[in-house]
Structures are given as structure tokens and as C-alpha cells.
């Protein structure tokens, strides 16, 4: 299908905790200013720190369903302001910073009166669910893709999936955990096997979208390193000696939306992949506690469902946004 031409720009974003000016990079497909424009879809990327590029297959919603799509890079990520000097600052890198940024973006585009939708993928779904629980003015529909309802459930899912690896690879991972050494070729090879099974099953690996996400995570791992774990040399902002994929020690370690799910009162679509890192146990609390919810598990896909089964995801999301389900 045809993808509309994008419009890009930067939105000033005030971060009082730092002394320099910051901005949020955005990319829009579709025309927000048209008199008959439909409510836009705001896409929240994962990582944290993966940038928006890997989610660009969703841009086709703008042409296929006449729904403007707003992508953006969260602060510290992609083409938004980077704050490497704040690596390891747990007081700064909290969920509330990203909520403030999302509010700033929504107000910049003045879409509250018309209304808007949110799609959050992985960490973006965690952020989106938390934001939706605050009853934001203008939110019409919510899509939570490949997202856990708590980090406790995420880690249980990761442990279950790790247990399905060959025993030799499990031993390599366990030894790396014990020694806090995540740079060995053996560990990297074991993690790649895990990724090929549960991150993205497309061959050759990595798919371009996976490569785009991993690029931003390794280009500047300040956000991912602080929120997900604290690695060696954190005071120097060097996270190359980490991380472990199977231990969370950062500011999200105890994160959970479960106790606030009853506060979400907009129609919500859930989807995950058959071989997703976000296994069903991660997403079940959403389904069990939301009053207006639909859940679809998409076969022959993993955590990058929107890439592996792109057409199915576009149809599912497009019909949900246009009320055809």
C-alpha cells in the first residue's frame, strides 16, 4: 500500500532537571490540519530507548485508513535530545518524565478537542496504559501491543522462555548472570538465539526494523541502561558492559499497572505474538480487568508482530480505530 509523505520537526520540551534546552523529534504521516481529519494515532515506541523507526510499518494506517499517525522519539532517544550526562540518574529517568513529554506533544498539536488514539508497543504499552489510567482529556482508544502489565510478569515470561532454550545455552546465560559478565562471545551468541526465537523470527536476522531499534539502544544506552538495569561504569555513562536480558535492576524493576487497570475506561485493543517475549501471562491482567477490551494473539510472530505479520496488524489496528470490530 502507499505510504503518505512525512512531515518532521522538533517540539521544545522543558526538562527542569537539566540546564540546557531539550526537544522532542516527531514525524507525522497524514494531514492533521484538514477540516475533516480523523483523530490521529500517537505511537509510543519501546526500549526504552529504541526510537520510533522500527514502528514505521504502521505509517500505512495513514493512507489505508485515513488516520494521521504521529511518531516521536522519546527524550534521550533517537533524534530527540540526548542526555548522556544523566546516565544512572534514577531520580530523572522515571515514568513521569515520559508522561510529561507525551502531554507536551499532545498539547503542541492541539488534538485534545478532536480526540486522539494511542498505540504503545512493549515499553510504549506500559507508558500508554499508565497514561490512560490518568483519564487524559481527548483519549478515545488505546492499543497495547506486546506489552506487560507488570515487570514481575515480564520477568516470569522471560524465565519461561529461557527455560525452552537448549540446556547448554541456559548454562551460558546463568553463568553470565552469576559473573555479571555480559560481553563474552558465548553470552552474545546465546542471546542471539533467544532473539531469533522471541524478538523477531524473520530471516535473515536482524530484520531492518530490529536493526534500527538495536542501533539506537547501542548508540546511546543512557535511558535503557538507567531504566532497565544499572551496569558497570554507570557513572561514566558506559553501559557496554551490560546488560543482562534476564535481570532488571533499574527504575522499572517494580513497575506495575495492575492495581490501576480499573481506571482505564476507553476501548482497548491488545495484541501479542504467538512466540512473543510478552507471553500471554504478561497481558492477561489487561484482559481480565479492562471493561472494554479485545485481545488477539497473532500466529507465526513474536515481539515484532507488526513486522512479521504486518498486513494482519494493519488490518486489526485500522478496523479497531475506525470502529469496525
Protein backbone atom coordinates (compact mmCIF):
# COMPACT_ATOMS: atom_id res chain seq x y z
CA UNK A 1 0.00 0.00 0.00
CA UNK A 2 1.01 3.64 -0.47
CA UNK A 3 2.64 5.48 2.43
CA UNK A 4 1.98 9.22 2.61
CA UNK A 5 4.86 11.67 2.69
CA UNK A 6 6.01 12.50 6.20
CA UNK A 7 6.41 15.85 7.93
CA UNK A 8 9.16 16.14 10.56
CA UNK A 9 10.07 18.65 13.24
CA UNK A 10 11.10 19.30 16.82
CA UNK A 11 8.94 20.31 19.79
CA UNK A 12 10.57 22.24 22.68
CA UNK A 13 10.35 20.22 25.87
CA UNK A 14 11.32 21.68 29.22
CA UNK A 15 13.27 19.32 31.49
CA UNK A 16 13.88 21.32 34.68
CA UNK A 17 16.38 18.79 35.95
CA UNK A 18 18.90 19.70 33.24
CA UNK A 19 20.37 23.10 32.37
CA UNK A 20 20.09 23.02 28.58
CA UNK A 21 17.19 23.26 26.17
CA UNK A 22 15.59 19.99 25.09
CA UNK A 23 13.29 18.97 22.26
CA UNK A 24 11.20 16.04 21.07
CA UNK A 25 11.59 14.90 17.46
CA UNK A 26 8.39 13.93 15.65
CA UNK A 27 7.35 12.51 12.29
CA UNK A 28 3.75 12.74 11.04
CA UNK A 29 2.05 10.85 8.23
CA UNK A 30 -1.23 12.39 7.12
CA UNK A 31 -2.70 15.88 7.48
CA UNK A 32 -3.64 16.97 10.99
CA UNK A 33 -4.93 20.34 9.78
CA UNK A 34 -7.54 19.11 7.29
CA UNK A 35 -11.08 20.15 8.33
CA UNK A 36 -12.27 16.55 8.07
CA UNK A 37 -9.14 14.97 9.55
CA UNK A 38 -9.78 11.93 11.72
CA UNK A 39 -8.38 11.73 15.25
CA UNK A 40 -4.66 10.92 14.99
CA UNK A 41 -2.89 7.84 16.30
CA UNK A 42 0.07 8.65 18.54
CA UNK A 43 2.63 5.83 18.55
CA UNK A 44 4.77 5.20 21.64
CA UNK A 45 7.94 3.24 20.95
CA UNK A 46 9.55 0.63 23.15
CA UNK A 47 13.01 0.01 24.54
CA UNK A 48 13.03 2.13 26.50
CA UNK A 49 15.36 3.90 24.09
CA UNK A 50 14.64 2.10 20.81
CA UNK A 51 13.46 5.17 18.84
CA UNK A 52 10.42 5.29 16.56
CA UNK A 53 11.98 3.97 13.32
CA UNK A 54 11.22 0.29 13.93
CA UNK A 55 7.50 1.08 14.12
CA UNK A 56 7.31 2.86 10.76
CA UNK A 57 5.41 -0.03 9.09
CA UNK A 58 2.41 1.37 10.99
CA UNK A 59 2.62 4.55 8.90
CA UNK A 60 0.48 2.83 6.27
CA UNK A 61 -2.52 3.35 8.55
CA UNK A 62 -2.48 6.96 7.36
CA UNK A 63 -3.12 6.02 3.74
CA UNK A 64 -5.13 2.82 4.25
CA UNK A 65 -7.49 4.12 6.94
CA UNK A 66 -7.16 7.93 6.57
CA UNK A 67 -5.85 8.13 10.13
CA UNK A 68 -2.96 10.56 10.70
CA UNK A 69 -0.12 8.83 12.51
CA UNK A 70 2.26 10.68 14.84
CA UNK A 71 5.58 9.03 15.65
CA UNK A 72 8.11 10.57 18.01
CA UNK A 73 11.38 9.76 19.71
CA UNK A 74 11.13 9.89 23.48
CA UNK A 75 13.56 12.19 25.28
CA UNK A 76 17.07 10.75 25.37
CA UNK A 77 16.35 8.60 22.30
CA UNK A 78 16.68 8.70 18.54
CA UNK A 79 16.67 12.23 17.12
CA UNK A 80 15.35 13.88 20.27
CA UNK A 81 17.70 15.49 22.78
CA UNK A 82 20.21 13.09 24.29
CA UNK A 83 21.18 13.48 27.93
CA UNK A 84 24.17 11.20 28.33
CA UNK A 85 25.44 13.22 31.28
CA UNK A 86 22.43 11.93 33.26
CA UNK A 87 23.27 8.23 32.86
CA UNK A 88 22.40 6.41 36.05
CA UNK A 89 20.27 9.26 37.43
CA UNK A 90 17.30 7.30 38.73
CA UNK A 91 15.60 10.44 40.00
CA UNK A 92 15.33 11.79 36.45
CA UNK A 93 14.61 8.67 34.43
CA UNK A 94 11.18 7.89 35.78
CA UNK A 95 7.90 7.16 34.01
CA UNK A 96 6.60 10.63 34.93
CA UNK A 97 9.22 12.27 32.68
CA UNK A 98 7.84 10.43 29.65
CA UNK A 99 4.25 11.19 30.64
CA UNK A 100 5.12 14.90 30.78
CA UNK A 101 6.69 14.65 27.35
CA UNK A 102 3.63 12.91 25.92
CA UNK A 103 1.36 15.60 27.39
CA UNK A 104 3.61 18.26 25.86
CA UNK A 105 3.37 16.63 22.43
CA UNK A 106 -0.42 16.31 22.61
CA UNK A 107 -0.81 19.95 23.60
CA UNK A 108 1.62 21.06 20.88
CA UNK A 109 -0.56 19.52 18.17
CA UNK A 110 -3.79 20.75 19.85
CA UNK A 111 -5.63 17.47 19.33
CA UNK A 112 -7.47 17.16 22.65
CA UNK A 113 -10.73 18.63 21.40
CA UNK A 114 -10.81 16.44 18.30
CA UNK A 115 -9.55 13.47 20.25
CA UNK A 116 -6.66 11.07 19.67
CA UNK A 117 -5.71 7.40 19.94
CA UNK A 118 -2.59 5.86 21.46
CA UNK A 119 -0.69 2.77 20.37
CA UNK A 120 2.11 1.68 22.68
CA UNK A 121 4.45 -1.17 21.79
CA UNK A 122 6.37 -3.04 24.52
CA UNK A 123 7.63 -0.34 26.96
CA UNK A 124 5.45 2.07 24.97
CA UNK A 125 2.44 -0.02 26.00
CA UNK A 126 3.46 0.26 29.63
CA UNK A 127 3.69 4.03 29.25
CA UNK A 128 0.43 4.18 27.32
CA UNK A 129 -1.50 2.13 29.86
CA UNK A 130 -0.25 4.27 32.72
CA UNK A 131 -1.19 7.43 30.86
CA UNK A 132 -4.64 6.08 30.01
CA UNK A 133 -5.26 5.31 33.69
CA UNK A 134 -4.99 9.04 34.45
CA UNK A 135 -8.13 9.79 32.39
CA UNK A 136 -6.44 12.17 29.94
CA UNK A 137 -8.76 14.54 28.12
CA UNK A 138 -9.19 13.56 24.48
CA UNK A 139 -8.08 9.92 24.60
CA UNK A 140 -10.52 7.88 22.51
CA UNK A 141 -8.97 4.43 22.02
CA UNK A 142 -5.95 2.58 23.33
CA UNK A 143 -3.85 -0.14 21.72
CA UNK A 144 -1.38 -2.12 23.83
CA UNK A 145 0.98 -4.18 21.69
CA UNK A 146 3.40 -6.78 23.05
CA UNK A 147 3.27 -5.09 26.45
CA UNK A 148 3.38 -6.48 30.01
CA UNK A 149 1.06 -5.39 32.80
CA UNK A 150 3.97 -5.57 35.26
CA UNK A 151 7.71 -6.15 35.26
CA UNK A 152 7.22 -9.11 37.58
CA UNK A 153 5.13 -10.80 34.89
CA UNK A 154 7.65 -9.79 32.20
CA UNK A 155 10.46 -11.49 34.11
CA UNK A 156 8.36 -14.62 34.64
CA UNK A 157 7.75 -14.70 30.89
CA UNK A 158 11.45 -14.26 30.15
CA UNK A 159 12.35 -17.04 32.57
CA UNK A 160 9.84 -19.41 30.96
CA UNK A 161 11.21 -18.67 27.51
CA UNK A 162 14.80 -19.04 28.65
CA UNK A 163 13.90 -22.47 30.02
CA UNK A 164 12.94 -23.50 26.47
CA UNK A 165 16.46 -22.87 25.17
CA UNK A 166 18.93 -25.75 24.89
CA UNK A 167 20.45 -26.53 28.29
CA UNK A 168 23.92 -25.50 27.14
CA UNK A 169 22.69 -22.00 26.30
CA UNK A 170 20.83 -21.77 29.59
CA UNK A 171 24.08 -22.54 31.41
CA UNK A 172 25.89 -19.83 29.45
CA UNK A 173 23.25 -17.28 30.39
CA UNK A 174 23.17 -18.35 34.04
CA UNK A 175 26.96 -18.10 34.28
CA UNK A 176 26.91 -14.63 32.77
CA UNK A 177 24.29 -13.65 35.35
CA UNK A 178 26.43 -15.05 38.16
CA UNK A 179 29.64 -13.41 36.95
CA UNK A 180 27.96 -10.17 35.77
CA UNK A 181 29.86 -10.63 32.50
CA UNK A 182 27.65 -9.94 29.53
CA UNK A 183 30.35 -9.36 26.92
CA UNK A 184 31.56 -12.88 26.21
CA UNK A 185 31.02 -14.26 22.70
CA UNK A 186 29.23 -17.24 24.23
CA UNK A 187 26.71 -14.99 26.01
CA UNK A 188 26.13 -12.85 22.93
CA UNK A 189 25.54 -15.99 20.86
CA UNK A 190 23.05 -17.33 23.42
CA UNK A 191 21.14 -14.04 23.46
CA UNK A 192 21.01 -14.02 19.66
CA UNK A 193 19.36 -17.44 19.72
CA UNK A 194 16.84 -16.06 22.20
CA UNK A 195 16.21 -13.02 19.99
CA UNK A 196 15.72 -15.16 16.89
CA UNK A 197 13.05 -17.15 18.70
CA UNK A 198 11.20 -14.47 20.66
CA UNK A 199 12.17 -10.98 19.44
CA UNK A 200 11.82 -11.41 15.68
CA UNK A 201 11.52 -14.72 13.84
CA UNK A 202 12.13 -13.32 10.34
CA UNK A 203 15.21 -14.41 8.44
CA UNK A 204 17.74 -13.12 7.75
CA UNK A 205 18.21 -11.78 11.26
CA UNK A 206 18.15 -8.97 12.18
CA UNK A 207 15.30 -7.56 10.08
CA UNK A 208 15.83 -3.87 9.20
CA UNK A 209 13.34 -2.78 11.86
CA UNK A 210 15.13 -4.84 14.52
CA UNK A 211 18.46 -3.39 13.41
CA UNK A 212 17.00 0.13 13.69
CA UNK A 213 15.89 -0.47 17.28
CA UNK A 214 19.17 -2.09 18.31
CA UNK A 215 21.07 0.78 16.67
CA UNK A 216 19.54 3.39 18.95
CA UNK A 217 19.87 1.17 22.02
CA UNK A 218 23.60 0.77 21.44
CA UNK A 219 24.23 4.28 20.07
CA UNK A 220 23.20 5.78 23.42
CA UNK A 221 22.03 3.42 26.14
CA UNK A 222 21.60 6.11 28.81
CA UNK A 223 17.83 5.65 29.03
CA UNK A 224 17.71 1.88 28.64
CA UNK A 225 20.65 1.46 30.97
CA UNK A 226 19.13 3.53 33.76
CA UNK A 227 15.52 2.42 33.49
CA UNK A 228 16.09 -1.29 32.94
CA UNK A 229 19.30 -2.01 34.82
CA UNK A 230 22.41 -0.43 36.26
CA UNK A 231 25.51 -1.78 34.55
CA UNK A 232 29.22 -1.32 35.23
CA UNK A 233 30.75 2.14 34.84
CA UNK A 234 27.30 3.73 35.19
CA UNK A 235 28.80 6.99 36.45
CA UNK A 236 30.65 7.33 33.16
CA UNK A 237 27.52 6.53 31.18
CA UNK A 238 29.11 3.35 29.81
CA UNK A 239 26.60 0.53 29.55
CA UNK A 240 28.60 -1.53 27.10
CA UNK A 241 29.45 -3.94 29.90
CA UNK A 242 25.75 -4.82 30.19
CA UNK A 243 23.02 -5.53 30.10
CA UNK A 244 21.57 -8.79 31.15
CA UNK A 245 18.38 -9.53 29.28
CA UNK A 246 17.11 -11.50 32.23
CA UNK A 247 17.64 -9.25 35.26
CA UNK A 248 16.02 -5.85 35.79
CA UNK A 249 17.58 -3.55 38.40
CA UNK A 250 16.65 -0.08 37.12
CA UNK A 251 13.76 2.26 37.84
CA UNK A 252 11.21 -0.05 36.21
CA UNK A 253 12.10 -3.02 38.40
CA UNK A 254 8.88 -2.87 40.45
CA UNK A 255 6.65 -1.24 37.82
CA UNK A 256 3.04 -2.46 37.62
CA UNK A 257 -0.22 -1.09 36.24
CA UNK A 258 -2.34 -3.95 37.57
CA UNK A 259 -3.80 -2.05 40.54
CA UNK A 260 -4.81 0.88 38.29
CA UNK A 261 -6.32 -1.00 35.37
CA UNK A 262 -9.88 -0.32 36.53
CA UNK A 263 -9.16 3.36 35.86
CA UNK A 264 -8.82 2.80 32.11
CA UNK A 265 -12.25 3.49 30.62
CA UNK A 266 -11.62 3.70 26.86
CA UNK A 267 -11.98 0.84 24.35
CA UNK A 268 -8.71 -1.07 24.33
CA UNK A 269 -7.16 -3.47 21.84
CA UNK A 270 -4.49 -5.92 23.00
CA UNK A 271 -2.26 -7.91 20.68
CA UNK A 272 0.82 -10.05 21.07
CA UNK A 273 2.62 -12.72 19.08
CA UNK A 274 2.49 -16.49 19.38
CA UNK A 275 6.21 -16.55 20.28
CA UNK A 276 6.30 -13.13 21.93
CA UNK A 277 8.61 -12.16 24.79
CA UNK A 278 5.36 -10.72 26.15
CA UNK A 279 3.72 -14.10 26.66
CA UNK A 280 0.03 -14.35 27.49
CA UNK A 281 0.66 -14.22 31.23
CA UNK A 282 2.07 -10.70 30.73
CA UNK A 283 -1.07 -9.41 29.05
CA UNK A 284 -3.76 -11.38 30.87
CA UNK A 285 -4.32 -8.73 33.59
CA UNK A 286 -5.29 -6.20 30.91
CA UNK A 287 -7.92 -8.56 29.55
CA UNK A 288 -9.17 -9.56 32.99
CA UNK A 289 -9.53 -6.03 34.37
CA UNK A 290 -10.48 -3.74 31.48
CA UNK A 291 -14.20 -3.29 30.80
CA UNK A 292 -13.94 -2.57 27.04
CA UNK A 293 -11.25 -4.84 25.67
CA UNK A 294 -10.41 -7.11 22.75
CA UNK A 295 -7.34 -9.40 22.72
CA UNK A 296 -5.77 -11.03 19.68
CA UNK A 297 -2.72 -13.31 19.70
CA UNK A 298 -1.25 -13.35 16.20
CA UNK A 299 0.19 -16.65 14.99
CA UNK A 300 3.65 -17.04 13.46
CA UNK A 301 5.00 -13.90 15.09
CA UNK A 302 6.99 -12.80 18.12
CA UNK A 303 7.77 -9.43 19.75
CA UNK A 304 7.98 -7.60 16.39
CA UNK A 305 4.49 -8.68 15.39
CA UNK A 306 3.94 -5.53 13.32
CA UNK A 307 6.89 -6.55 11.11
CA UNK A 308 6.41 -10.32 10.95
CA UNK A 309 2.65 -10.10 10.31
CA UNK A 310 2.40 -6.54 9.05
CA UNK A 311 -0.78 -6.84 7.00
CA UNK A 312 -2.67 -8.59 9.80
CA UNK A 313 -1.62 -5.94 12.30
CA UNK A 314 -2.54 -3.06 9.96
CA UNK A 315 -5.99 -4.56 9.37
CA UNK A 316 -6.53 -5.29 13.06
CA UNK A 317 -5.48 -1.82 14.20
CA UNK A 318 -7.15 0.02 11.32
CA UNK A 319 -10.51 -1.65 11.88
CA UNK A 320 -10.28 -1.07 15.62
CA UNK A 321 -9.61 2.65 15.13
CA UNK A 322 -12.45 3.04 12.66
CA UNK A 323 -14.92 1.12 14.81
CA UNK A 324 -15.21 -1.89 12.51
CA UNK A 325 -14.78 -4.60 15.12
